[in-house]
C-alpha atoms as a PDB file:
ATOM      1  CA  UNK A   1      83.232 119.736  94.905  1.00  0.00           C
ATOM      2  CA  UNK A   2      80.892 120.728  97.597  1.00  0.00           C
ATOM      3  CA  UNK A   3      77.115 120.989  96.738  1.00  0.00           C
ATOM      4  CA  UNK A   4      74.156 122.550  98.561  1.00  0.00           C
ATOM      5  CA  UNK A   5      70.450 123.047  98.291  1.00  0.00           C
ATOM      6  CA  UNK A   6      67.771 124.655 100.547  1.00  0.00           C
ATOM      7  CA  UNK A   7      65.631 121.976 102.237  1.00  0.00           C
ATOM      8  CA  UNK A   8      61.975 121.616 101.562  1.00  0.00           C
ATOM      9  CA  UNK A   9      61.022 123.549 104.793  1.00  0.00           C
ATOM     10  CA  UNK A  10      63.474 126.367 103.991  1.00  0.00           C
ATOM     11  CA  UNK A  11      65.138 126.311 107.400  1.00  0.00           C
ATOM     12  CA  UNK A  12      68.316 124.281 106.649  1.00  0.00           C
ATOM     13  CA  UNK A  13      70.662 123.803 103.785  1.00  0.00           C
ATOM     14  CA  UNK A  14      71.377 120.216 102.467  1.00  0.00           C
ATOM     15  CA  UNK A  15      75.226 120.254 101.742  1.00  0.00           C
ATOM     16  CA  UNK A  16      77.704 117.696 100.592  1.00  0.00           C
ATOM     17  CA  UNK A  17      81.133 117.626 102.045  1.00  0.00           C
ATOM     18  CA  UNK A  18      83.749 115.048 100.999  1.00  0.00           C
ATOM     19  CA  UNK A  19      81.001 113.091  99.286  1.00  0.00           C
ATOM     20  CA  UNK A  20      78.634 112.936 102.309  1.00  0.00           C
ATOM     21  CA  UNK A  21      75.399 114.814 102.708  1.00  0.00           C
ATOM     22  CA  UNK A  22      74.503 116.825 105.771  1.00  0.00           C
ATOM     23  CA  UNK A  23      71.501 118.865 106.668  1.00  0.00           C
ATOM     24  CA  UNK A  24      72.528 121.963 108.413  1.00  0.00           C
ATOM     25  CA  UNK A  25      70.269 124.577 110.154  1.00  0.00           C
ATOM     26  CA  UNK A  26      70.827 128.049 108.726  1.00  0.00           C
ATOM     27  CA  UNK A  27      69.263 131.317 109.772  1.00  0.00           C
ATOM     28  CA  UNK A  28      67.586 133.457 106.991  1.00  0.00           C
ATOM     29  CA  UNK A  29      70.092 135.641 105.071  1.00  0.00           C
ATOM     30  CA  UNK A  30      73.111 133.650 106.107  1.00  0.00           C
ATOM     31  CA  UNK A  31      73.106 130.946 103.472  1.00  0.00           C
ATOM     32  CA  UNK A  32      76.009 132.321 101.519  1.00  0.00           C
ATOM     33  CA  UNK A  33      78.248 132.412 104.600  1.00  0.00           C
ATOM     34  CA  UNK A  34      77.282 128.883 105.357  1.00  0.00           C
ATOM     35  CA  UNK A  35      78.100 127.991 101.718  1.00  0.00           C
ATOM     36  CA  UNK A  36      81.377 129.707 101.956  1.00  0.00           C
ATOM     37  CA  UNK A  37      82.237 127.633 105.097  1.00  0.00           C
ATOM     38  CA  UNK A  38      81.094 124.423 103.547  1.00  0.00           C
ATOM     39  CA  UNK A  39      83.254 124.982 100.450  1.00  0.00           C
ATOM     40  CA  UNK A  40      86.267 126.029 102.708  1.00  0.00           C
ATOM     41  CA  UNK A  41      85.888 122.787 104.789  1.00  0.00           C
ATOM     42  CA  UNK A  42      85.285 120.534 101.847  1.00  0.00           C
ATOM     43  CA  UNK A  43      88.471 122.077 100.191  1.00  0.00           C
ATOM     44  CA  UNK A  44      90.564 121.561 103.349  1.00  0.00           C
ATOM     45  CA  UNK A  45      89.292 117.896 103.750  1.00  0.00           C
ATOM     46  CA  UNK A  46      90.043 117.101 100.112  1.00  0.00           C
ATOM     47  CA  UNK A  47      93.514 118.539 100.272  1.00  0.00           C
ATOM     48  CA  UNK A  48      94.319 116.559 103.430  1.00  0.00           C
ATOM     49  CA  UNK A  49      92.799 113.298 102.030  1.00  0.00           C
ATOM     50  CA  UNK A  50      94.570 113.652  98.652  1.00  0.00           C
ATOM     51  CA  UNK A  51      97.892 115.131  99.797  1.00  0.00           C
ATOM     52  CA  UNK A  52      98.783 113.088 102.820  1.00  0.00           C
ATOM     53  CA  UNK A  53      96.818 110.004 101.953  1.00  0.00           C
ATOM     54  CA  UNK A  54      94.997 109.999 105.190  1.00  0.00           C
ATOM     55  CA  UNK A  55      92.383 107.322 105.442  1.00  0.00           C
ATOM     56  CA  UNK A  56      89.016 107.523 106.961  1.00  0.00           C
ATOM     57  CA  UNK A  57      86.603 110.477 107.031  1.00  0.00           C
ATOM     58  CA  UNK A  58      86.872 110.905 110.789  1.00  0.00           C
ATOM     59  CA  UNK A  59      90.731 111.373 110.630  1.00  0.00           C
ATOM     60  CA  UNK A  60      90.428 113.626 107.653  1.00  0.00           C
ATOM     61  CA  UNK A  61      87.900 115.820 109.599  1.00  0.00           C
ATOM     62  CA  UNK A  62      89.952 115.959 112.673  1.00  0.00           C
ATOM     63  CA  UNK A  63      93.085 116.940 110.612  1.00  0.00           C
ATOM     64  CA  UNK A  64      90.981 119.680 108.831  1.00  0.00           C
ATOM     65  CA  UNK A  65      89.514 120.926 112.099  1.00  0.00           C
ATOM     66  CA  UNK A  66      93.120 121.166 113.575  1.00  0.00           C
ATOM     67  CA  UNK A  67      94.407 122.958 110.487  1.00  0.00           C
ATOM     68  CA  UNK A  68      91.503 125.261 110.356  1.00  0.00           C
ATOM     69  CA  UNK A  69      91.860 126.031 114.178  1.00  0.00           C
ATOM     70  CA  UNK A  70      95.531 126.638 113.724  1.00  0.00           C
ATOM     71  CA  UNK A  71      94.978 129.088 110.981  1.00  0.00           C
ATOM     72  CA  UNK A  72      92.354 131.023 113.051  1.00  0.00           C
ATOM     73  CA  UNK A  73      94.542 131.059 116.138  1.00  0.00           C
ATOM     74  CA  UNK A  74      97.568 132.478 114.257  1.00  0.00           C
ATOM     75  CA  UNK A  75      95.809 135.032 112.351  1.00  0.00           C
ATOM     76  CA  UNK A  76      93.435 136.523 114.834  1.00  0.00           C
ATOM     77  CA  UNK A  77      94.048 139.936 116.301  1.00  0.00           C
ATOM     78  CA  UNK A  78      95.102 139.966 119.972  1.00  0.00           C
ATOM     79  CA  UNK A  79      92.704 142.034 121.994  1.00  0.00           C
ATOM     80  CA  UNK A  80      90.065 144.387 120.617  1.00  0.00           C
ATOM     81  CA  UNK A  81      90.903 146.009 117.228  1.00  0.00           C
ATOM     82  CA  UNK A  82      91.364 149.740 117.575  1.00  0.00           C
ATOM     83  CA  UNK A  83      90.515 151.080 114.070  1.00  0.00           C
ATOM     84  CA  UNK A  84      91.641 154.607 114.832  1.00  0.00           C
ATOM     85  CA  UNK A  85      94.938 153.340 115.994  1.00  0.00           C
ATOM     86  CA  UNK A  86      95.376 151.133 112.920  1.00  0.00           C
ATOM     87  CA  UNK A  87      94.624 154.132 110.674  1.00  0.00           C
ATOM     88  CA  UNK A  88      97.142 156.287 112.489  1.00  0.00           C
ATOM     89  CA  UNK A  89      99.769 153.613 111.995  1.00  0.00           C
ATOM     90  CA  UNK A  90      98.906 153.350 108.311  1.00  0.00           C
ATOM     91  CA  UNK A  91      99.200 157.072 107.819  1.00  0.00           C
ATOM     92  CA  UNK A  92     102.469 157.084 109.494  1.00  0.00           C
ATOM     93  CA  UNK A  93     103.808 154.292 107.312  1.00  0.00           C
ATOM     94  CA  UNK A  94     102.465 156.028 104.235  1.00  0.00           C
ATOM     95  CA  UNK A  95     104.176 159.214 105.131  1.00  0.00           C
ATOM     96  CA  UNK A  96     107.501 157.320 105.688  1.00  0.00           C
ATOM     97  CA  UNK A  97     107.044 155.576 102.445  1.00  0.00           C
ATOM     98  CA  UNK A  98     106.362 158.791 100.514  1.00  0.00           C
ATOM     99  CA  UNK A  99     109.355 160.522 102.182  1.00  0.00           C
ATOM    100  CA  UNK A 100     111.659 157.600 101.286  1.00  0.00           C
ATOM    101  CA  UNK A 101     110.344 157.414  97.658  1.00  0.00           C
ATOM    102  CA  UNK A 102     110.715 161.204  97.067  1.00  0.00           C
ATOM    103  CA  UNK A 103     114.319 160.875  98.259  1.00  0.00           C
ATOM    104  CA  UNK A 104     114.902 158.132  95.678  1.00  0.00           C
ATOM    105  CA  UNK A 105     113.676 160.441  92.897  1.00  0.00           C
ATOM    106  CA  UNK A 106     116.525 162.752  93.479  1.00  0.00           C
ATOM    107  CA  UNK A 107     119.080 159.803  93.139  1.00  0.00           C
ATOM    108  CA  UNK A 108     118.024 159.247  89.517  1.00  0.00           C
END
């Protein structure tokens, strides 16, 4: 499990990932986001180490980085996100679902 504590100067977090300690600079107010990232990376690395029996922290880190990059690249939105278009599409889907469900009510 990853651990973290604020450094004595208050400008960095001291974290533990896969049993190794790191001191990472962190802007004020972004501590939780960094801690979430540390936990995510630590969990990925542990899963890879334990599941595939990959030896060596460097190999585990590279495999974790590749997995995280793959997740990011396959889930990102292509192009800028148009919120109004997304809302319009959701509204159309909701209307279609409501219509289909109301037709089902008359069957039973």
